[in-house]
Amino acid sequence: MGTAPPPGDLTALNASFARALRAQNKSERTVQAYTDAVRLLAGFCHANGLPTTASAIERAHLERFITDQLARWKPATANNRYAKATAEERARAAHARLGLGDRI
């Protein structure tokens, strides 16, 4: 039996992110695209020994992820994955600014 991921782990947060997107009435295709981007970022971080908790991921980590995506895909695809992978963190920060806590 595996251990539970630490609080704030991208993989664990991805399910709540999907719920938040559905609550915003996003299409299933949009939900899939955004959660796939988070899954790819989490996998990249794990494979490269980078932090996988949202609060520990830094700009340099995201830049490494984008560089990796650019080596594999067209620039528009890499840009879309970056925007979607970081959407959850932006939503969390907005909730915190509004005094709603960091849960989305």
C-alpha atoms as a PDB file:
ATOM      1  CA  MET A   1       0.000   0.000   0.000  1.00  0.00           C
ATOM      2  CA  GLY A   2       1.386   3.429  -0.992  1.00  0.00           C
ATOM      3  CA  THR A   3       1.720   6.428   1.220  1.00  0.00           C
ATOM      4  CA  ALA A   4      -0.611   9.378   0.928  1.00  0.00           C
ATOM      5  CA  PRO A   5       0.768  12.366  -0.966  1.00  0.00           C
ATOM      6  CA  PRO A   6       1.763  15.384   1.128  1.00  0.00           C
ATOM      7  CA  PRO A   7      -0.767  18.217   1.533  1.00  0.00           C
ATOM      8  CA  GLY A   8      -0.719  20.449  -1.519  1.00  0.00           C
ATOM      9  CA  ASP A   9       0.634  17.727  -3.808  1.00  0.00           C
ATOM     10  CA  LEU A  10      -0.267  18.480  -7.446  1.00  0.00           C
ATOM     11  CA  THR A  11      -1.664  15.009  -8.067  1.00  0.00           C
ATOM     12  CA  ALA A  12      -3.913  15.199  -5.005  1.00  0.00           C
ATOM     13  CA  LEU A  13      -5.008  18.758  -5.851  1.00  0.00           C
ATOM     14  CA  ASN A  14      -5.915  17.815  -9.413  1.00  0.00           C
ATOM     15  CA  ALA A  15      -9.228  16.194  -8.357  1.00  0.00           C
ATOM     16  CA  SER A  16     -10.357  19.311  -6.487  1.00  0.00           C
ATOM     17  CA  PHE A  17      -9.199  21.413  -9.440  1.00  0.00           C
ATOM     18  CA  ALA A  18     -11.429  19.339 -11.745  1.00  0.00           C
ATOM     19  CA  ARG A  19     -14.380  19.837  -9.372  1.00  0.00           C
ATOM     20  CA  ALA A  20     -13.763  23.596  -9.296  1.00  0.00           C
ATOM     21  CA  LEU A  21     -13.658  23.743 -13.099  1.00  0.00           C
ATOM     22  CA  ARG A  22     -16.895  21.763 -13.358  1.00  0.00           C
ATOM     23  CA  ALA A  23     -18.508  24.065 -10.784  1.00  0.00           C
ATOM     24  CA  GLN A  24     -17.562  26.943 -13.101  1.00  0.00           C
ATOM     25  CA  ASN A  25     -19.464  25.089 -15.847  1.00  0.00           C
ATOM     26  CA  LYS A  26     -16.344  24.429 -17.927  1.00  0.00           C
ATOM     27  CA  SER A  27     -16.742  21.853 -20.696  1.00  0.00           C
ATOM     28  CA  GLU A  28     -15.436  18.345 -20.070  1.00  0.00           C
ATOM     29  CA  ARG A  29     -12.892  18.937 -22.820  1.00  0.00           C
ATOM     30  CA  THR A  30     -11.597  22.007 -20.944  1.00  0.00           C
ATOM     31  CA  VAL A  31     -11.526  20.100 -17.643  1.00  0.00           C
ATOM     32  CA  GLN A  32      -9.569  17.307 -19.335  1.00  0.00           C
ATOM     33  CA  ALA A  33      -7.078  19.719 -20.934  1.00  0.00           C
ATOM     34  CA  TYR A  34      -6.417  21.567 -17.661  1.00  0.00           C
ATOM     35  CA  THR A  35      -6.102  18.449 -15.522  1.00  0.00           C
ATOM     36  CA  ASP A  36      -3.864  16.801 -18.144  1.00  0.00           C
ATOM     37  CA  ALA A  37      -1.539  19.805 -17.954  1.00  0.00           C
ATOM     38  CA  VAL A  38      -1.350  19.530 -14.155  1.00  0.00           C
ATOM     39  CA  ARG A  39      -0.739  15.778 -14.454  1.00  0.00           C
ATOM     40  CA  LEU A  40       2.092  16.388 -16.944  1.00  0.00           C
ATOM     41  CA  LEU A  41       3.656  19.023 -14.690  1.00  0.00           C
ATOM     42  CA  ALA A  42       3.435  16.701 -11.681  1.00  0.00           C
ATOM     43  CA  GLY A  43       5.004  13.848 -13.660  1.00  0.00           C
ATOM     44  CA  PHE A  44       7.796  16.091 -14.921  1.00  0.00           C
ATOM     45  CA  CYS A  45       8.548  17.357 -11.415  1.00  0.00           C
ATOM     46  CA  HIS A  46       8.555  13.841  -9.972  1.00  0.00           C
ATOM     47  CA  ALA A  47      10.771  12.458 -12.763  1.00  0.00           C
ATOM     48  CA  ASN A  48      13.275  15.296 -12.352  1.00  0.00           C
ATOM     49  CA  GLY A  49      13.481  15.344  -8.562  1.00  0.00           C
ATOM     50  CA  LEU A  50      11.626  18.661  -8.300  1.00  0.00           C
ATOM     51  CA  PRO A  51       9.025  19.477  -5.639  1.00  0.00           C
ATOM     52  CA  THR A  52       5.495  18.306  -6.388  1.00  0.00           C
ATOM     53  CA  THR A  53       3.673  20.446  -3.836  1.00  0.00           C
ATOM     54  CA  ALA A  54       2.080  23.591  -5.259  1.00  0.00           C
ATOM     55  CA  SER A  55       3.592  25.898  -2.647  1.00  0.00           C
ATOM     56  CA  ALA A  56       7.135  24.619  -3.293  1.00  0.00           C
ATOM     57  CA  ILE A  57       7.116  24.919  -7.071  1.00  0.00           C
ATOM     58  CA  GLU A  58       9.090  27.945  -8.198  1.00  0.00           C
ATOM     59  CA  ARG A  59       9.331  29.857 -11.450  1.00  0.00           C
ATOM     60  CA  ALA A  60      12.554  28.038 -12.331  1.00  0.00           C
ATOM     61  CA  HIS A  61      10.756  24.680 -12.045  1.00  0.00           C
ATOM     62  CA  LEU A  62       8.002  25.879 -14.362  1.00  0.00           C
ATOM     63  CA  GLU A  63      10.583  27.192 -16.807  1.00  0.00           C
ATOM     64  CA  ARG A  64      12.250  23.766 -16.875  1.00  0.00           C
ATOM     65  CA  PHE A  65       8.851  22.190 -17.560  1.00  0.00           C
ATOM     66  CA  ILE A  66       8.173  24.624 -20.420  1.00  0.00           C
ATOM     67  CA  THR A  67      11.644  24.051 -21.876  1.00  0.00           C
ATOM     68  CA  ASP A  68      10.927  20.319 -21.830  1.00  0.00           C
ATOM     69  CA  GLN A  69       7.531  20.847 -23.480  1.00  0.00           C
ATOM     70  CA  LEU A  70       9.066  23.108 -26.153  1.00  0.00           C
ATOM     71  CA  ALA A  71      11.551  20.357 -27.006  1.00  0.00           C
ATOM     72  CA  ARG A  72       8.644  17.948 -27.547  1.00  0.00           C
ATOM     73  CA  TRP A  73       5.818  20.083 -28.928  1.00  0.00           C
ATOM     74  CA  LYS A  74       5.045  23.211 -30.908  1.00  0.00           C
ATOM     75  CA  PRO A  75       5.358  26.503 -28.964  1.00  0.00           C
ATOM     76  CA  ALA A  76       1.570  26.995 -28.817  1.00  0.00           C
ATOM     77  CA  THR A  77       1.133  23.584 -27.172  1.00  0.00           C
ATOM     78  CA  ALA A  78       3.830  24.311 -24.590  1.00  0.00           C
ATOM     79  CA  ASN A  79       2.302  27.709 -23.843  1.00  0.00           C
ATOM     80  CA  ASN A  80      -1.160  26.198 -23.393  1.00  0.00           C
ATOM     81  CA  ARG A  81       0.181  23.578 -21.001  1.00  0.00           C
ATOM     82  CA  TYR A  82       1.945  26.216 -18.924  1.00  0.00           C
ATOM     83  CA  ALA A  83      -1.188  28.383 -18.713  1.00  0.00           C
ATOM     84  CA  LYS A  84      -3.377  25.450 -17.778  1.00  0.00           C
ATOM     85  CA  ALA A  85      -0.919  23.933 -15.315  1.00  0.00           C
ATOM     86  CA  THR A  86      -0.624  27.211 -13.430  1.00  0.00           C
ATOM     87  CA  ALA A  87      -4.346  28.077 -13.513  1.00  0.00           C
ATOM     88  CA  GLU A  88      -5.013  26.236 -10.249  1.00  0.00           C
ATOM     89  CA  GLU A  89      -2.327  28.178  -8.393  1.00  0.00           C
ATOM     90  CA  ARG A  90      -3.723  31.460  -9.713  1.00  0.00           C
ATOM     91  CA  ALA A  91      -7.221  30.452  -8.546  1.00  0.00           C
ATOM     92  CA  ARG A  92      -5.881  29.496  -5.111  1.00  0.00           C
ATOM     93  CA  ALA A  93      -4.110  32.855  -4.773  1.00  0.00           C
ATOM     94  CA  ALA A  94      -7.284  34.719  -5.789  1.00  0.00           C
ATOM     95  CA  HIS A  95      -9.310  32.840  -3.155  1.00  0.00           C
ATOM     96  CA  ALA A  96      -6.718  33.707  -0.517  1.00  0.00           C
ATOM     97  CA  ARG A  97      -6.783  37.401  -1.497  1.00  0.00           C
ATOM     98  CA  LEU A  98     -10.564  37.389  -1.113  1.00  0.00           C
ATOM     99  CA  GLY A  99     -10.284  35.839   2.349  1.00  0.00           C
ATOM    100  CA  LEU A 100     -11.808  32.547   1.178  1.00  0.00           C
ATOM    101  CA  GLY A 101      -8.840  30.436   2.192  1.00  0.00           C
ATOM    102  CA  ASP A 102      -6.636  28.543  -0.244  1.00  0.00           C
ATOM    103  CA  ARG A 103      -9.064  25.712  -1.061  1.00  0.00           C
ATOM    104  CA  ILE A 104     -10.818  25.868  -4.390  1.00  0.00           C
END
